[in-house]
Amino acid sequence: MADAILKRLSTRRIIECKDEAAARAAVRQVVIANIALEERLDLDARQLLLEHAKAIKESGAEYRQLLGKVKEKLARERGFIL
């Protein structure tokens, strides 16, 4: 994935890469950090829904829709782009 990102950025002349190995490692780290943040966001959203499970069940709301909305709200609050 890091190779594809670097290739696209280089092709579009968005970046000029002198040390491809270092750039690849940096992109890889950013991607891994982003995935970890998204996983944490998902866990937090599921935990919030679990805390309100009784109210959700009584309201008849659909879990998947609520999960998506909660994730979007948490992402917005944390400045994270999904």
PDB file of N, CA and C in Angstrom:
ATOM      1  N   MET A   1       0.827  -1.179   0.000  1.00  0.00           N
ATOM      2  CA  MET A   1       0.000   0.000   0.000  1.00  0.00           C
ATOM      3  C   MET A   1       0.879   1.253   0.000  1.00  0.00           C
ATOM      4  N   ALA A   2       1.936   1.230   0.784  1.00  0.00           N
ATOM      5  CA  ALA A   2       2.839   2.381   0.840  1.00  0.00           C
ATOM      6  C   ALA A   2       3.450   2.651  -0.527  1.00  0.00           C
ATOM      7  N   ASP A   3       3.801   1.586  -1.245  1.00  0.00           N
ATOM      8  CA  ASP A   3       4.374   1.749  -2.586  1.00  0.00           C
ATOM      9  C   ASP A   3       3.373   2.417  -3.520  1.00  0.00           C
ATOM     10  N   ALA A   4       2.123   1.983  -3.459  1.00  0.00           N
ATOM     11  CA  ALA A   4       1.088   2.547  -4.329  1.00  0.00           C
ATOM     12  C   ALA A   4       0.850   4.020  -4.011  1.00  0.00           C
ATOM     13  N   ILE A   5       0.837   4.364  -2.745  1.00  0.00           N
ATOM     14  CA  ILE A   5       0.631   5.756  -2.345  1.00  0.00           C
ATOM     15  C   ILE A   5       1.788   6.628  -2.843  1.00  0.00           C
ATOM     16  N   LEU A   6       3.011   6.151  -2.612  1.00  0.00           N
ATOM     17  CA  LEU A   6       4.181   6.915  -3.069  1.00  0.00           C
ATOM     18  C   LEU A   6       4.194   7.083  -4.581  1.00  0.00           C
ATOM     19  N   LYS A   7       3.858   6.017  -5.292  1.00  0.00           N
ATOM     20  CA  LYS A   7       3.848   6.081  -6.751  1.00  0.00           C
ATOM     21  C   LYS A   7       2.828   7.112  -7.236  1.00  0.00           C
ATOM     22  N   ARG A   8       1.652   7.093  -6.646  1.00  0.00           N
ATOM     23  CA  ARG A   8       0.603   8.032  -7.058  1.00  0.00           C
ATOM     24  C   ARG A   8       1.005   9.472  -6.738  1.00  0.00           C
ATOM     25  N   LEU A   9       1.564   9.697  -5.555  1.00  0.00           N
ATOM     26  CA  LEU A   9       1.983  11.050  -5.188  1.00  0.00           C
ATOM     27  C   LEU A   9       3.124  11.545  -6.069  1.00  0.00           C
ATOM     28  N   SER A  10       4.029  10.660  -6.411  1.00  0.00           N
ATOM     29  CA  SER A  10       5.150  11.028  -7.286  1.00  0.00           C
ATOM     30  C   SER A  10       4.676  11.291  -8.704  1.00  0.00           C
ATOM     31  N   THR A  11       3.802  10.441  -9.204  1.00  0.00           N
ATOM     32  CA  THR A  11       3.284  10.586 -10.559  1.00  0.00           C
ATOM     33  C   THR A  11       2.545  11.910 -10.723  1.00  0.00           C
ATOM     34  N   ARG A  12       1.799  12.279  -9.714  1.00  0.00           N
ATOM     35  CA  ARG A  12       1.043  13.543  -9.769  1.00  0.00           C
ATOM     36  C   ARG A  12       1.902  14.748  -9.387  1.00  0.00           C
ATOM     37  N   ARG A  13       3.167  14.489  -9.120  1.00  0.00           N
ATOM     38  CA  ARG A  13       4.127  15.530  -8.756  1.00  0.00           C
ATOM     39  C   ARG A  13       3.704  16.297  -7.505  1.00  0.00           C
ATOM     40  N   ILE A  14       3.092  15.571  -6.578  1.00  0.00           N
ATOM     41  CA  ILE A  14       2.718  16.148  -5.294  1.00  0.00           C
ATOM     42  C   ILE A  14       3.915  16.127  -4.353  1.00  0.00           C
ATOM     43  N   ILE A  15       4.727  15.087  -4.505  1.00  0.00           N
ATOM     44  CA  ILE A  15       5.956  14.988  -3.718  1.00  0.00           C
ATOM     45  C   ILE A  15       7.121  14.668  -4.636  1.00  0.00           C
ATOM     46  N   GLU A  16       8.296  14.985  -4.136  1.00  0.00           N
ATOM     47  CA  GLU A  16       9.523  14.586  -4.803  1.00  0.00           C
ATOM     48  C   GLU A  16      10.282  13.731  -3.793  1.00  0.00           C
ATOM     49  N   CYS A  17      10.521  12.501  -4.149  1.00  0.00           N
ATOM     50  CA  CYS A  17      11.085  11.539  -3.210  1.00  0.00           C
ATOM     51  C   CYS A  17      12.547  11.262  -3.540  1.00  0.00           C
ATOM     52  N   LYS A  18      13.418  11.574  -2.553  1.00  0.00           N
ATOM     53  CA  LYS A  18      14.845  11.321  -2.741  1.00  0.00           C
ATOM     54  C   LYS A  18      15.261  10.002  -2.106  1.00  0.00           C
ATOM     55  N   ASP A  19      14.610   9.654  -1.010  1.00  0.00           N
ATOM     56  CA  ASP A  19      14.917   8.401  -0.303  1.00  0.00           C
ATOM     57  C   ASP A  19      13.641   7.572  -0.223  1.00  0.00           C
ATOM     58  N   GLU A  20      13.438   6.715  -1.214  1.00  0.00           N
ATOM     59  CA  GLU A  20      12.198   5.941  -1.298  1.00  0.00           C
ATOM     60  C   GLU A  20      11.995   5.019  -0.104  1.00  0.00           C
ATOM     61  N   ALA A  21      13.044   4.429   0.399  1.00  0.00           N
ATOM     62  CA  ALA A  21      12.907   3.520   1.538  1.00  0.00           C
ATOM     63  C   ALA A  21      12.402   4.272   2.768  1.00  0.00           C
ATOM     64  N   ALA A  22      12.952   5.451   3.017  1.00  0.00           N
ATOM     65  CA  ALA A  22      12.510   6.251   4.165  1.00  0.00           C
ATOM     66  C   ALA A  22      11.078   6.742   3.965  1.00  0.00           C
ATOM     67  N   ALA A  23      10.757   7.154   2.758  1.00  0.00           N
ATOM     68  CA  ALA A  23       9.407   7.628   2.455  1.00  0.00           C
ATOM     69  C   ALA A  23       8.401   6.492   2.610  1.00  0.00           C
ATOM     70  N   ARG A  24       8.762   5.314   2.122  1.00  0.00           N
ATOM     71  CA  ARG A  24       7.895   4.149   2.235  1.00  0.00           C
ATOM     72  C   ARG A  24       7.646   3.812   3.704  1.00  0.00           C
ATOM     73  N   ALA A  25       8.686   3.864   4.504  1.00  0.00           N
ATOM     74  CA  ALA A  25       8.556   3.574   5.934  1.00  0.00           C
ATOM     75  C   ALA A  25       7.664   4.608   6.618  1.00  0.00           C
ATOM     76  N   ALA A  26       7.821   5.869   6.241  1.00  0.00           N
ATOM     77  CA  ALA A  26       7.002   6.932   6.832  1.00  0.00           C
ATOM     78  C   ALA A  26       5.532   6.755   6.464  1.00  0.00           C
ATOM     79  N   VAL A  27       5.258   6.459   5.201  1.00  0.00           N
ATOM     80  CA  VAL A  27       3.874   6.243   4.761  1.00  0.00           C
ATOM     81  C   VAL A  27       3.292   5.031   5.473  1.00  0.00           C
ATOM     82  N   ARG A  28       4.080   3.977   5.583  1.00  0.00           N
ATOM     83  CA  ARG A  28       3.620   2.763   6.263  1.00  0.00           C
ATOM     84  C   ARG A  28       3.232   3.080   7.713  1.00  0.00           C
ATOM     85  N   GLN A  29       4.039   3.870   8.393  1.00  0.00           N
ATOM     86  CA  GLN A  29       3.756   4.243   9.786  1.00  0.00           C
ATOM     87  C   GLN A  29       2.473   5.052   9.892  1.00  0.00           C
ATOM     88  N   VAL A  30       2.270   5.970   8.962  1.00  0.00           N
ATOM     89  CA  VAL A  30       1.052   6.789   8.965  1.00  0.00           C
ATOM     90  C   VAL A  30      -0.174   5.910   8.742  1.00  0.00           C
ATOM     91  N   VAL A  31      -0.087   4.988   7.807  1.00  0.00           N
ATOM     92  CA  VAL A  31      -1.206   4.090   7.522  1.00  0.00           C
ATOM     93  C   VAL A  31      -1.510   3.212   8.740  1.00  0.00           C
ATOM     94  N   ILE A  32      -0.491   2.671   9.359  1.00  0.00           N
ATOM     95  CA  ILE A  32      -0.677   1.822  10.539  1.00  0.00           C
ATOM     96  C   ILE A  32      -1.302   2.626  11.678  1.00  0.00           C
ATOM     97  N   ALA A  33      -0.833   3.846  11.889  1.00  0.00           N
ATOM     98  CA  ALA A  33      -1.390   4.700  12.942  1.00  0.00           C
ATOM     99  C   ALA A  33      -2.849   5.025  12.655  1.00  0.00           C
ATOM    100  N   ASN A  34      -3.160   5.276  11.397  1.00  0.00           N
ATOM    101  CA  ASN A  34      -4.529   5.585  11.008  1.00  0.00           C
ATOM    102  C   ASN A  34      -5.452   4.398  11.246  1.00  0.00           C
ATOM    103  N   ILE A  35      -4.995   3.227  10.897  1.00  0.00           N
ATOM    104  CA  ILE A  35      -5.789   2.009  11.111  1.00  0.00           C
ATOM    105  C   ILE A  35      -6.016   1.780  12.599  1.00  0.00           C
ATOM    106  N   ALA A  36      -4.990   1.997  13.401  1.00  0.00           N
ATOM    107  CA  ALA A  36      -5.120   1.825  14.853  1.00  0.00           C
ATOM    108  C   ALA A  36      -6.127   2.819  15.425  1.00  0.00           C
ATOM    109  N   LEU A  37      -6.091   4.066  14.960  1.00  0.00           N
ATOM    110  CA  LEU A  37      -7.050   5.068  15.433  1.00  0.00           C
ATOM    111  C   LEU A  37      -8.475   4.702  15.036  1.00  0.00           C
ATOM    112  N   GLU A  38      -8.634   4.195  13.827  1.00  0.00           N
ATOM    113  CA  GLU A  38      -9.968   3.807  13.382  1.00  0.00           C
ATOM    114  C   GLU A  38     -10.484   2.610  14.182  1.00  0.00           C
ATOM    115  N   GLU A  39      -9.608   1.665  14.501  1.00  0.00           N
ATOM    116  CA  GLU A  39     -10.011   0.532  15.327  1.00  0.00           C
ATOM    117  C   GLU A  39     -10.437   1.008  16.715  1.00  0.00           C
ATOM    118  N   ARG A  40      -9.702   1.967  17.282  1.00  0.00           N
ATOM    119  CA  ARG A  40     -10.042   2.515  18.596  1.00  0.00           C
ATOM    120  C   ARG A  40     -11.387   3.225  18.544  1.00  0.00           C
ATOM    121  N   LEU A  41     -11.613   3.954  17.469  1.00  0.00           N
ATOM    122  CA  LEU A  41     -12.880   4.647  17.258  1.00  0.00           C
ATOM    123  C   LEU A  41     -14.030   3.639  17.215  1.00  0.00           C
ATOM    124  N   ASP A  42     -13.837   2.557  16.506  1.00  0.00           N
ATOM    125  CA  ASP A  42     -14.849   1.510  16.400  1.00  0.00           C
ATOM    126  C   ASP A  42     -15.132   0.890  17.770  1.00  0.00           C
ATOM    127  N   LEU A  43     -14.086   0.600  18.521  1.00  0.00           N
ATOM    128  CA  LEU A  43     -14.262   0.031  19.860  1.00  0.00           C
ATOM    129  C   LEU A  43     -15.013   0.985  20.775  1.00  0.00           C
ATOM    130  N   ASP A  44     -14.671   2.260  20.722  1.00  0.00           N
ATOM    131  CA  ASP A  44     -15.343   3.255  21.559  1.00  0.00           C
ATOM    132  C   ASP A  44     -16.820   3.392  21.178  1.00  0.00           C
ATOM    133  N   ALA A  45     -17.109   3.373  19.889  1.00  0.00           N
ATOM    134  CA  ALA A  45     -18.494   3.466  19.431  1.00  0.00           C
ATOM    135  C   ALA A  45     -19.292   2.247  19.893  1.00  0.00           C
ATOM    136  N   ARG A  46     -18.709   1.068  19.768  1.00  0.00           N
ATOM    137  CA  ARG A  46     -19.393  -0.146  20.224  1.00  0.00           C
ATOM    138  C   ARG A  46     -19.623  -0.119  21.735  1.00  0.00           C
ATOM    139  N   GLN A  47     -18.657   0.405  22.476  1.00  0.00           N
ATOM    140  CA  GLN A  47     -18.794   0.498  23.925  1.00  0.00           C
ATOM    141  C   GLN A  47     -19.932   1.452  24.303  1.00  0.00           C
ATOM    142  N   LEU A  48     -20.020   2.583  23.615  1.00  0.00           N
ATOM    143  CA  LEU A  48     -21.112   3.524  23.876  1.00  0.00           C
ATOM    144  C   LEU A  48     -22.472   2.883  23.615  1.00  0.00           C
ATOM    145  N   LEU A  49     -22.566   2.157  22.522  1.00  0.00           N
ATOM    146  CA  LEU A  49     -23.832   1.496  22.204  1.00  0.00           C
ATOM    147  C   LEU A  49     -24.145   0.402  23.223  1.00  0.00           C
ATOM    148  N   LEU A  50     -23.136  -0.289  23.680  1.00  0.00           N
ATOM    149  CA  LEU A  50     -23.332  -1.322  24.691  1.00  0.00           C
ATOM    150  C   LEU A  50     -23.859  -0.714  25.993  1.00  0.00           C
ATOM    151  N   GLU A  51     -23.348   0.448  26.347  1.00  0.00           N
ATOM    152  CA  GLU A  51     -23.798   1.129  27.553  1.00  0.00           C
ATOM    153  C   GLU A  51     -25.261   1.551  27.467  1.00  0.00           C
ATOM    154  N   HIS A  52     -25.746   1.740  26.262  1.00  0.00           N
ATOM    155  CA  HIS A  52     -27.136   2.166  26.055  1.00  0.00           C
ATOM    156  C   HIS A  52     -27.967   1.083  25.370  1.00  0.00           C
ATOM    157  N   ALA A  53     -27.560  -0.155  25.521  1.00  0.00           N
ATOM    158  CA  ALA A  53     -28.207  -1.269  24.823  1.00  0.00           C
ATOM    159  C   ALA A  53     -29.692  -1.375  25.148  1.00  0.00           C
ATOM    160  N   LYS A  54     -30.049  -1.191  26.399  1.00  0.00           N
ATOM    161  CA  LYS A  54     -31.449  -1.321  26.797  1.00  0.00           C
ATOM    162  C   LYS A  54     -32.313  -0.277  26.087  1.00  0.00           C
ATOM    163  N   ALA A  55     -31.874   0.964  26.089  1.00  0.00           N
ATOM    164  CA  ALA A  55     -32.625   2.031  25.429  1.00  0.00           C
ATOM    165  C   ALA A  55     -32.694   1.800  23.924  1.00  0.00           C
ATOM    166  N   ILE A  56     -31.616   1.303  23.352  1.00  0.00           N
ATOM    167  CA  ILE A  56     -31.596   1.026  21.915  1.00  0.00           C
ATOM    168  C   ILE A  56     -32.593  -0.068  21.574  1.00  0.00           C
ATOM    169  N   LYS A  57     -32.610  -1.116  22.391  1.00  0.00           N
ATOM    170  CA  LYS A  57     -33.526  -2.229  22.151  1.00  0.00           C
ATOM    171  C   LYS A  57     -34.974  -1.774  22.274  1.00  0.00           C
ATOM    172  N   GLU A  58     -35.240  -0.953  23.274  1.00  0.00           N
ATOM    173  CA  GLU A  58     -36.608  -0.466  23.486  1.00  0.00           C
ATOM    174  C   GLU A  58     -37.059   0.467  22.368  1.00  0.00           C
ATOM    175  N   SER A  59     -36.123   1.199  21.781  1.00  0.00           N
ATOM    176  CA  SER A  59     -36.487   2.151  20.734  1.00  0.00           C
ATOM    177  C   SER A  59     -36.682   1.467  19.380  1.00  0.00           C
ATOM    178  N   GLY A  60     -36.154   0.272  19.252  1.00  0.00           N
ATOM    179  CA  GLY A  60     -36.281  -0.448  17.984  1.00  0.00           C
ATOM    180  C   GLY A  60     -35.320   0.050  16.915  1.00  0.00           C
ATOM    181  N   ALA A  61     -34.332   0.828  17.318  1.00  0.00           N
ATOM    182  CA  ALA A  61     -33.363   1.356  16.357  1.00  0.00           C
ATOM    183  C   ALA A  61     -32.481   0.227  15.827  1.00  0.00           C
ATOM    184  N   GLU A  62     -31.979   0.418  14.619  1.00  0.00           N
ATOM    185  CA  GLU A  62     -31.117  -0.591  14.007  1.00  0.00           C
ATOM    186  C   GLU A  62     -29.671  -0.362  14.440  1.00  0.00           C
ATOM    187  N   TYR A  63     -29.056  -1.401  14.974  1.00  0.00           N
ATOM    188  CA  TYR A  63     -27.705  -1.320  15.536  1.00  0.00           C
ATOM    189  C   TYR A  63     -26.686  -0.810  14.528  1.00  0.00           C
ATOM    190  N   ARG A  64     -26.705  -1.344  13.318  1.00  0.00           N
ATOM    191  CA  ARG A  64     -25.709  -0.963  12.311  1.00  0.00           C
ATOM    192  C   ARG A  64     -25.782   0.523  11.978  1.00  0.00           C
ATOM    193  N   GLN A  65     -26.997   1.046  11.851  1.00  0.00           N
ATOM    194  CA  GLN A  65     -27.151   2.469  11.557  1.00  0.00           C
ATOM    195  C   GLN A  65     -26.647   3.317  12.713  1.00  0.00           C
ATOM    196  N   LEU A  66     -27.004   2.916  13.925  1.00  0.00           N
ATOM    197  CA  LEU A  66     -26.539   3.654  15.097  1.00  0.00           C
ATOM    198  C   LEU A  66     -25.020   3.607  15.219  1.00  0.00           C
ATOM    199  N   LEU A  67     -24.437   2.455  14.952  1.00  0.00           N
ATOM    200  CA  LEU A  67     -22.984   2.312  15.026  1.00  0.00           C
ATOM    201  C   LEU A  67     -22.320   3.284  14.052  1.00  0.00           C
ATOM    202  N   GLY A  68     -22.829   3.351  12.841  1.00  0.00           N
ATOM    203  CA  GLY A  68     -22.279   4.275  11.853  1.00  0.00           C
ATOM    204  C   GLY A  68     -22.396   5.719  12.294  1.00  0.00           C
ATOM    205  N   LYS A  69     -23.540   6.086  12.844  1.00  0.00           N
ATOM    206  CA  LYS A  69     -23.748   7.461  13.295  1.00  0.00           C
ATOM    207  C   LYS A  69     -22.845   7.801  14.477  1.00  0.00           C
ATOM    208  N   VAL A  70     -22.710   6.873  15.409  1.00  0.00           N
ATOM    209  CA  VAL A  70     -21.860   7.106  16.571  1.00  0.00           C
ATOM    210  C   VAL A  70     -20.401   7.228  16.131  1.00  0.00           C
ATOM    211  N   LYS A  71     -19.965   6.368  15.209  1.00  0.00           N
ATOM    212  CA  LYS A  71     -18.592   6.448  14.706  1.00  0.00           C
ATOM    213  C   LYS A  71     -18.347   7.787  14.022  1.00  0.00           C
ATOM    214  N   GLU A  72     -19.297   8.248  13.231  1.00  0.00           N
ATOM    215  CA  GLU A  72     -19.157   9.537  12.551  1.00  0.00           C
ATOM    216  C   GLU A  72     -19.045  10.672  13.565  1.00  0.00           C
ATOM    217  N   LYS A  73     -19.878  10.623  14.594  1.00  0.00           N
ATOM    218  CA  LYS A  73     -19.863  11.668  15.619  1.00  0.00           C
ATOM    219  C   LYS A  73     -18.533  11.667  16.369  1.00  0.00           C
ATOM    220  N   LEU A  74     -18.079  10.496  16.790  1.00  0.00           N
ATOM    221  CA  LEU A  74     -16.801  10.409  17.500  1.00  0.00           C
ATOM    222  C   LEU A  74     -15.652  10.876  16.605  1.00  0.00           C
ATOM    223  N   ALA A  75     -15.689  10.488  15.345  1.00  0.00           N
ATOM    224  CA  ALA A  75     -14.640  10.894  14.410  1.00  0.00           C
ATOM    225  C   ALA A  75     -14.608  12.412  14.275  1.00  0.00           C
ATOM    226  N   ARG A  76     -15.761  13.009  14.149  1.00  0.00           N
ATOM    227  CA  ARG A  76     -15.849  14.469  14.028  1.00  0.00           C
ATOM    228  C   ARG A  76     -15.281  15.144  15.281  1.00  0.00           C
ATOM    229  N   GLU A  77     -15.673  14.639  16.451  1.00  0.00           N
ATOM    230  CA  GLU A  77     -15.203  15.203  17.713  1.00  0.00           C
ATOM    231  C   GLU A  77     -13.684  15.080  17.868  1.00  0.00           C
ATOM    232  N   ARG A  78     -13.119  14.018  17.326  1.00  0.00           N
ATOM    233  CA  ARG A  78     -11.687  13.749  17.473  1.00  0.00           C
ATOM    234  C   ARG A  78     -10.863  14.269  16.303  1.00  0.00           C
ATOM    235  N   GLY A  79     -11.541  14.872  15.328  1.00  0.00           N
ATOM    236  CA  GLY A  79     -10.827  15.414  14.161  1.00  0.00           C
ATOM    237  C   GLY A  79     -10.295  14.330  13.246  1.00  0.00           C
ATOM    238  N   PHE A  80     -10.978  13.204  13.223  1.00  0.00           N
ATOM    239  CA  PHE A  80     -10.543  12.049  12.432  1.00  0.00           C
ATOM    240  C   PHE A  80     -11.441  11.939  11.203  1.00  0.00           C
ATOM    241  N   ILE A  81     -10.852  11.777  10.050  1.00  0.00           N
ATOM    242  CA  ILE A  81     -11.616  11.638   8.812  1.00  0.00           C
ATOM    243  C   ILE A  81     -11.746  10.171   8.482  1.00  0.00           C
ATOM    244  N   LEU A  82     -12.986   9.716   8.361  1.00  0.00           N
ATOM    245  CA  LEU A  82     -13.230   8.302   8.027  1.00  0.00           C
ATOM    246  C   LEU A  82     -13.106   8.079   6.546  1.00  0.00           C
TER     247      LEU A  82
END
